[in-house]
Amino acid sequence: MKKFKLQGIEFRISSFSNVDPVPFCVAVGQAQDGSVVVRHSQDSDPAKSLTFTKKEWKAFVKGVKANEFDF
């Protein structure tokens, strides 16, 4: 897992998100207020980030683990 800081937030990138030949990566970090910020690892424009409350993020992770988003 790769880590880097941007605007005071430590972001993490899963090694699973860097698959050749298309190395697009999703970075996830936690802001000081507890919200979760999701962004493209190669685009540092904060206007292109998504921010979720802790409650929203927990609901999303729970849905992923329950396979709610499988196609």
N, C-alpha and C. Protein backbone atom coordinates (compact mmCIF):
# COMPACT_ATOMS: atom_id res chain seq x y z
N MET A 1 0.84 -1.16 0.00
CA MET A 1 0.00 0.00 0.00
C MET A 1 0.89 1.23 0.00
N LYS A 2 0.65 2.11 -0.96
CA LYS A 2 1.41 3.35 -1.10
C LYS A 2 0.71 4.46 -0.31
N LYS A 3 1.48 5.34 0.31
CA LYS A 3 0.92 6.46 1.07
C LYS A 3 1.54 7.76 0.60
N PHE A 4 0.75 8.84 0.62
CA PHE A 4 1.28 10.17 0.35
C PHE A 4 0.37 11.20 1.01
N LYS A 5 0.90 12.40 1.23
CA LYS A 5 0.12 13.46 1.88
C LYS A 5 -0.18 14.56 0.87
N LEU A 6 -1.38 15.11 0.99
CA LEU A 6 -1.79 16.23 0.17
C LEU A 6 -2.75 17.07 0.98
N GLN A 7 -2.49 18.35 1.07
CA GLN A 7 -3.33 19.27 1.83
C GLN A 7 -3.57 18.79 3.26
N GLY A 8 -2.54 18.22 3.87
CA GLY A 8 -2.63 17.77 5.25
C GLY A 8 -3.34 16.45 5.45
N ILE A 9 -3.76 15.81 4.37
CA ILE A 9 -4.45 14.52 4.46
C ILE A 9 -3.53 13.42 3.96
N GLU A 10 -3.37 12.37 4.75
CA GLU A 10 -2.57 11.23 4.31
C GLU A 10 -3.47 10.30 3.50
N PHE A 11 -3.14 10.14 2.23
CA PHE A 11 -3.90 9.28 1.34
C PHE A 11 -3.24 7.93 1.21
N ARG A 12 -4.06 6.92 0.98
CA ARG A 12 -3.57 5.56 0.76
C ARG A 12 -4.05 5.08 -0.60
N ILE A 13 -3.19 4.34 -1.28
CA ILE A 13 -3.53 3.76 -2.57
C ILE A 13 -3.33 2.25 -2.46
N SER A 14 -4.37 1.50 -2.73
CA SER A 14 -4.27 0.05 -2.69
C SER A 14 -3.40 -0.45 -3.84
N SER A 15 -2.63 -1.47 -3.59
CA SER A 15 -1.82 -2.07 -4.66
C SER A 15 -2.71 -2.72 -5.71
N PHE A 16 -3.95 -3.01 -5.39
CA PHE A 16 -4.88 -3.60 -6.34
C PHE A 16 -5.35 -2.59 -7.38
N SER A 17 -5.21 -1.30 -7.12
CA SER A 17 -5.70 -0.30 -8.06
C SER A 17 -4.67 0.08 -9.11
N ASN A 18 -3.50 -0.50 -9.06
CA ASN A 18 -2.46 -0.20 -10.05
C ASN A 18 -2.20 -1.44 -10.89
N VAL A 19 -3.09 -1.66 -11.85
CA VAL A 19 -3.01 -2.86 -12.69
C VAL A 19 -2.62 -2.44 -14.10
N ASP A 20 -1.57 -3.06 -14.65
CA ASP A 20 -1.15 -2.76 -16.02
C ASP A 20 -2.18 -3.32 -16.98
N PRO A 21 -2.39 -2.73 -18.11
CA PRO A 21 -1.67 -1.60 -18.69
C PRO A 21 -2.28 -0.25 -18.33
N VAL A 22 -3.30 -0.22 -17.50
CA VAL A 22 -3.99 1.03 -17.16
C VAL A 22 -3.79 1.34 -15.67
N PRO A 23 -2.76 2.12 -15.33
CA PRO A 23 -2.46 2.38 -13.92
C PRO A 23 -3.28 3.53 -13.31
N PHE A 24 -4.60 3.41 -13.33
CA PHE A 24 -5.44 4.42 -12.70
C PHE A 24 -5.64 4.02 -11.25
N CYS A 25 -5.44 4.95 -10.36
CA CYS A 25 -5.48 4.63 -8.93
C CYS A 25 -6.47 5.52 -8.19
N VAL A 26 -7.15 4.93 -7.26
CA VAL A 26 -8.04 5.66 -6.38
C VAL A 26 -7.31 5.84 -5.06
N ALA A 27 -7.30 7.07 -4.57
CA ALA A 27 -6.65 7.38 -3.30
C ALA A 27 -7.73 7.75 -2.28
N VAL A 28 -7.56 7.24 -1.06
CA VAL A 28 -8.53 7.49 0.01
C VAL A 28 -7.79 8.03 1.22
N GLY A 29 -8.34 9.07 1.82
CA GLY A 29 -7.73 9.66 3.00
C GLY A 29 -8.78 10.15 3.97
N GLN A 30 -8.36 10.39 5.20
CA GLN A 30 -9.28 10.88 6.23
C GLN A 30 -8.88 12.29 6.62
N ALA A 31 -9.85 13.22 6.52
CA ALA A 31 -9.61 14.61 6.90
C ALA A 31 -9.63 14.74 8.42
N GLN A 32 -9.19 15.87 8.92
CA GLN A 32 -9.13 16.09 10.36
C GLN A 32 -10.50 16.04 11.02
N ASP A 33 -11.55 16.38 10.27
CA ASP A 33 -12.90 16.35 10.84
C ASP A 33 -13.52 14.96 10.81
N GLY A 34 -12.76 13.97 10.32
CA GLY A 34 -13.24 12.59 10.28
C GLY A 34 -13.88 12.20 8.97
N SER A 35 -14.11 13.16 8.08
CA SER A 35 -14.70 12.82 6.79
C SER A 35 -13.67 12.06 5.94
N VAL A 36 -14.17 11.33 4.96
CA VAL A 36 -13.32 10.53 4.09
C VAL A 36 -13.27 11.20 2.71
N VAL A 37 -12.07 11.39 2.20
CA VAL A 37 -11.86 12.04 0.91
C VAL A 37 -11.36 11.00 -0.08
N VAL A 38 -12.00 10.96 -1.26
CA VAL A 38 -11.63 10.02 -2.31
C VAL A 38 -11.25 10.83 -3.54
N ARG A 39 -10.13 10.47 -4.16
CA ARG A 39 -9.67 11.21 -5.34
C ARG A 39 -8.84 10.32 -6.23
N HIS A 40 -8.58 10.79 -7.43
CA HIS A 40 -7.67 10.10 -8.35
C HIS A 40 -6.26 10.39 -7.86
N SER A 41 -5.44 9.39 -7.80
CA SER A 41 -4.10 9.57 -7.23
C SER A 41 -3.21 10.51 -8.05
N GLN A 42 -3.52 10.67 -9.32
CA GLN A 42 -2.66 11.50 -10.17
C GLN A 42 -3.26 12.88 -10.44
N ASP A 43 -4.34 13.23 -9.77
CA ASP A 43 -4.97 14.53 -9.95
C ASP A 43 -5.17 15.18 -8.59
N SER A 44 -4.37 16.18 -8.29
CA SER A 44 -4.40 16.79 -6.96
C SER A 44 -5.40 17.95 -6.84
N ASP A 45 -6.23 18.18 -7.84
CA ASP A 45 -7.22 19.26 -7.80
C ASP A 45 -8.29 18.91 -6.77
N PRO A 46 -8.37 19.66 -5.65
CA PRO A 46 -9.34 19.34 -4.61
C PRO A 46 -10.79 19.44 -5.10
N ALA A 47 -11.02 20.22 -6.15
CA ALA A 47 -12.38 20.34 -6.69
C ALA A 47 -12.86 19.04 -7.32
N LYS A 48 -11.94 18.14 -7.63
CA LYS A 48 -12.30 16.86 -8.24
C LYS A 48 -12.36 15.73 -7.22
N SER A 49 -12.24 16.05 -5.95
CA SER A 49 -12.32 15.04 -4.89
C SER A 49 -13.76 14.86 -4.45
N LEU A 50 -14.05 13.69 -3.93
CA LEU A 50 -15.35 13.41 -3.33
C LEU A 50 -15.15 13.31 -1.83
N THR A 51 -16.05 13.91 -1.06
CA THR A 51 -15.96 13.86 0.39
C THR A 51 -17.22 13.22 0.96
N PHE A 52 -17.01 12.28 1.88
CA PHE A 52 -18.10 11.54 2.50
C PHE A 52 -18.02 11.67 4.02
N THR A 53 -19.15 11.66 4.68
CA THR A 53 -19.15 11.62 6.14
C THR A 53 -18.70 10.23 6.56
N LYS A 54 -18.34 10.08 7.83
CA LYS A 54 -17.95 8.75 8.34
C LYS A 54 -19.11 7.77 8.17
N LYS A 55 -20.33 8.24 8.42
CA LYS A 55 -21.50 7.37 8.31
C LYS A 55 -21.71 6.92 6.85
N GLU A 56 -21.57 7.82 5.91
CA GLU A 56 -21.72 7.46 4.49
C GLU A 56 -20.65 6.46 4.07
N TRP A 57 -19.40 6.70 4.52
CA TRP A 57 -18.30 5.80 4.14
C TRP A 57 -18.51 4.41 4.73
N LYS A 58 -18.93 4.34 5.99
CA LYS A 58 -19.18 3.04 6.61
C LYS A 58 -20.28 2.29 5.87
N ALA A 59 -21.32 3.00 5.43
CA ALA A 59 -22.40 2.36 4.68
C ALA A 59 -21.88 1.84 3.34
N PHE A 60 -21.02 2.60 2.69
CA PHE A 60 -20.44 2.17 1.42
C PHE A 60 -19.59 0.92 1.60
N VAL A 61 -18.70 0.94 2.58
CA VAL A 61 -17.82 -0.21 2.83
C VAL A 61 -18.66 -1.44 3.17
N LYS A 62 -19.69 -1.26 3.97
CA LYS A 62 -20.57 -2.38 4.32
C LYS A 62 -21.22 -2.94 3.05
N GLY A 63 -21.66 -2.07 2.15
CA GLY A 63 -22.26 -2.52 0.90
C GLY A 63 -21.27 -3.26 0.01
N VAL A 64 -20.03 -2.80 -0.02
CA VAL A 64 -19.00 -3.48 -0.81
C VAL A 64 -18.77 -4.89 -0.27
N LYS A 65 -18.65 -4.99 1.04
CA LYS A 65 -18.42 -6.30 1.67
C LYS A 65 -19.59 -7.25 1.47
N ALA A 66 -20.80 -6.70 1.30
CA ALA A 66 -22.00 -7.53 1.10
C ALA A 66 -22.28 -7.77 -0.38
N ASN A 67 -21.35 -7.38 -1.25
CA ASN A 67 -21.48 -7.57 -2.69
C ASN A 67 -22.69 -6.85 -3.29
N GLU A 68 -23.10 -5.75 -2.69
CA GLU A 68 -24.24 -5.00 -3.20
C GLU A 68 -23.97 -4.30 -4.52
N PHE A 69 -22.71 -4.12 -4.87
CA PHE A 69 -22.37 -3.38 -6.07
C PHE A 69 -21.85 -4.27 -7.20
N ASP A 70 -22.00 -5.56 -7.06
CA ASP A 70 -21.56 -6.47 -8.13
C ASP A 70 -22.51 -6.36 -9.32
N PHE A 71 -21.93 -6.42 -10.50
CA PHE A 71 -22.74 -6.35 -11.72
C PHE A 71 -23.02 -7.75 -12.21
